[in-house]
N, C-alpha and C. Protein backbone atom coordinates (compact mmCIF):
# COMPACT_ATOMS: atom_id res chain seq x y z
N MET A 1 -5.31 -17.72 -17.81
CA MET A 1 -5.13 -17.20 -16.47
C MET A 1 -3.66 -17.35 -16.09
N VAL A 2 -3.13 -16.34 -15.44
CA VAL A 2 -1.73 -16.33 -15.04
C VAL A 2 -1.58 -16.93 -13.65
N THR A 3 -0.59 -17.81 -13.51
CA THR A 3 -0.29 -18.39 -12.21
C THR A 3 0.78 -17.56 -11.53
N VAL A 4 0.49 -17.12 -10.31
CA VAL A 4 1.44 -16.31 -9.55
C VAL A 4 2.03 -17.18 -8.46
N THR A 5 3.35 -17.22 -8.39
CA THR A 5 4.04 -17.98 -7.36
C THR A 5 4.87 -17.03 -6.51
N GLN A 6 5.32 -17.53 -5.38
CA GLN A 6 6.18 -16.73 -4.53
C GLN A 6 7.47 -16.37 -5.26
N GLU A 7 7.96 -17.30 -6.06
CA GLU A 7 9.19 -17.06 -6.80
C GLU A 7 9.02 -15.97 -7.86
N SER A 8 7.88 -16.01 -8.58
CA SER A 8 7.65 -15.00 -9.61
C SER A 8 7.47 -13.62 -8.99
N LEU A 9 6.80 -13.55 -7.84
CA LEU A 9 6.65 -12.28 -7.15
C LEU A 9 7.99 -11.75 -6.66
N ALA A 10 8.82 -12.64 -6.12
CA ALA A 10 10.14 -12.22 -5.64
C ALA A 10 10.98 -11.67 -6.78
N GLU A 11 10.89 -12.28 -7.95
CA GLU A 11 11.63 -11.79 -9.12
C GLU A 11 11.14 -10.40 -9.54
N LYS A 12 9.83 -10.22 -9.56
CA LYS A 12 9.29 -8.92 -9.95
C LYS A 12 9.66 -7.84 -8.93
N ILE A 13 9.63 -8.19 -7.66
CA ILE A 13 10.02 -7.23 -6.61
C ILE A 13 11.48 -6.86 -6.78
N LYS A 14 12.32 -7.86 -6.99
CA LYS A 14 13.76 -7.61 -7.16
C LYS A 14 14.02 -6.71 -8.37
N ARG A 15 13.31 -6.97 -9.47
CA ARG A 15 13.50 -6.17 -10.68
C ARG A 15 13.10 -4.72 -10.44
N LEU A 16 11.96 -4.51 -9.80
CA LEU A 16 11.52 -3.14 -9.54
C LEU A 16 12.42 -2.43 -8.54
N GLU A 17 12.86 -3.14 -7.51
CA GLU A 17 13.76 -2.54 -6.52
C GLU A 17 15.08 -2.14 -7.16
N SER A 18 15.62 -3.00 -8.01
CA SER A 18 16.89 -2.67 -8.65
C SER A 18 16.74 -1.50 -9.61
N ARG A 19 15.59 -1.42 -10.24
CA ARG A 19 15.32 -0.30 -11.14
C ARG A 19 15.24 1.01 -10.38
N GLY A 20 14.65 0.97 -9.20
CA GLY A 20 14.52 2.16 -8.39
C GLY A 20 15.82 2.60 -7.75
N ASN A 21 16.75 1.64 -7.56
CA ASN A 21 18.02 1.94 -6.92
C ASN A 21 19.14 2.25 -7.92
N ALA A 22 18.86 2.11 -9.19
CA ALA A 22 19.89 2.34 -10.20
C ALA A 22 20.29 3.81 -10.23
N GLU A 23 21.59 4.06 -10.26
CA GLU A 23 22.08 5.44 -10.25
C GLU A 23 21.72 6.19 -11.52
N TYR A 24 21.67 5.50 -12.63
CA TYR A 24 21.41 6.17 -13.91
C TYR A 24 19.92 6.43 -14.14
N ALA A 25 19.09 5.75 -13.36
CA ALA A 25 17.65 5.86 -13.57
C ALA A 25 17.08 7.07 -12.83
N LEU A 26 15.93 7.47 -13.25
CA LEU A 26 15.23 8.56 -12.59
C LEU A 26 14.38 8.06 -11.43
N GLY A 27 14.40 6.79 -11.19
CA GLY A 27 13.57 6.20 -10.15
C GLY A 27 12.35 5.54 -10.76
N LEU A 28 11.49 5.07 -9.90
CA LEU A 28 10.29 4.38 -10.37
C LEU A 28 9.19 5.38 -10.70
N THR A 29 8.39 5.01 -11.65
CA THR A 29 7.20 5.82 -11.94
C THR A 29 6.19 5.58 -10.83
N LEU A 30 5.18 6.38 -10.77
CA LEU A 30 4.15 6.21 -9.75
C LEU A 30 3.48 4.85 -9.89
N ASN A 31 3.22 4.44 -11.12
CA ASN A 31 2.61 3.14 -11.37
C ASN A 31 3.50 2.01 -10.86
N GLU A 32 4.81 2.11 -11.11
CA GLU A 32 5.73 1.07 -10.65
C GLU A 32 5.83 1.04 -9.13
N GLU A 33 5.73 2.20 -8.48
CA GLU A 33 5.74 2.24 -7.01
C GLU A 33 4.52 1.51 -6.46
N TYR A 34 3.36 1.73 -7.09
CA TYR A 34 2.15 1.02 -6.66
C TYR A 34 2.28 -0.48 -6.93
N GLN A 35 2.85 -0.85 -8.06
CA GLN A 35 3.06 -2.27 -8.36
C GLN A 35 3.96 -2.91 -7.31
N LEU A 36 5.04 -2.24 -6.97
CA LEU A 36 5.98 -2.78 -5.99
C LEU A 36 5.29 -2.97 -4.64
N ALA A 37 4.51 -2.00 -4.22
CA ALA A 37 3.79 -2.11 -2.95
C ALA A 37 2.80 -3.27 -2.99
N ALA A 38 2.09 -3.41 -4.11
CA ALA A 38 1.11 -4.49 -4.25
C ALA A 38 1.79 -5.85 -4.27
N TYR A 39 2.91 -5.97 -4.97
CA TYR A 39 3.65 -7.24 -5.00
C TYR A 39 4.12 -7.62 -3.60
N ARG A 40 4.61 -6.65 -2.84
CA ARG A 40 5.08 -6.93 -1.48
C ARG A 40 3.92 -7.40 -0.60
N MET A 41 2.77 -6.75 -0.72
CA MET A 41 1.60 -7.16 0.07
C MET A 41 1.15 -8.57 -0.31
N LEU A 42 1.12 -8.85 -1.60
CA LEU A 42 0.69 -10.17 -2.06
C LEU A 42 1.66 -11.24 -1.61
N LEU A 43 2.96 -10.95 -1.64
CA LEU A 43 3.95 -11.92 -1.19
C LEU A 43 3.77 -12.22 0.29
N LYS A 44 3.51 -11.19 1.09
CA LYS A 44 3.25 -11.41 2.53
C LYS A 44 2.00 -12.26 2.71
N TYR A 45 0.98 -12.01 1.92
CA TYR A 45 -0.25 -12.77 2.01
C TYR A 45 -0.01 -14.24 1.66
N LEU A 46 0.76 -14.47 0.60
CA LEU A 46 1.01 -15.85 0.17
C LEU A 46 1.87 -16.61 1.16
N THR A 47 2.81 -15.94 1.80
CA THR A 47 3.69 -16.63 2.74
C THR A 47 3.07 -16.77 4.11
N GLY A 48 2.17 -15.87 4.49
CA GLY A 48 1.57 -15.88 5.82
C GLY A 48 0.80 -17.14 6.14
N PRO A 49 -0.21 -17.49 5.38
CA PRO A 49 -1.02 -18.68 5.71
C PRO A 49 -0.22 -19.98 5.70
N VAL A 50 0.76 -20.09 4.82
CA VAL A 50 1.56 -21.30 4.75
C VAL A 50 2.34 -21.49 6.04
N GLU A 51 2.99 -20.42 6.49
CA GLU A 51 3.76 -20.51 7.73
C GLU A 51 2.86 -20.80 8.92
N ALA A 52 1.68 -20.17 8.95
CA ALA A 52 0.75 -20.39 10.05
C ALA A 52 0.27 -21.84 10.04
N ASN A 53 0.00 -22.39 8.86
CA ASN A 53 -0.44 -23.78 8.77
C ASN A 53 0.65 -24.73 9.21
N LEU A 54 1.89 -24.45 8.86
CA LEU A 54 2.99 -25.32 9.28
C LEU A 54 3.17 -25.29 10.79
N GLU A 55 3.03 -24.12 11.39
CA GLU A 55 3.15 -24.01 12.83
C GLU A 55 2.03 -24.76 13.55
N ASN A 56 0.85 -24.79 12.96
CA ASN A 56 -0.29 -25.47 13.57
C ASN A 56 -0.34 -26.94 13.23
N GLY A 57 0.59 -27.41 12.43
CA GLY A 57 0.62 -28.82 12.06
C GLY A 57 -0.34 -29.17 10.94
N ASN A 58 -0.85 -28.16 10.21
CA ASN A 58 -1.79 -28.41 9.13
C ASN A 58 -1.13 -28.40 7.76
N GLY A 59 0.18 -28.23 7.71
CA GLY A 59 0.85 -28.10 6.42
C GLY A 59 1.35 -29.37 5.95
């Protein structure tokens, strides 16, 4: 089983974003666009509950 961390997601997002912004590239494939969107959603999900717990004093 693969362990996903906020850091690993941030790296994957950065890699895909840089690939999409590269002047020499044709842009992202449709699959990569979906991956990027999914990684961003997952990162928001992972960071959301932690911040909420810290604000409530449960962290």
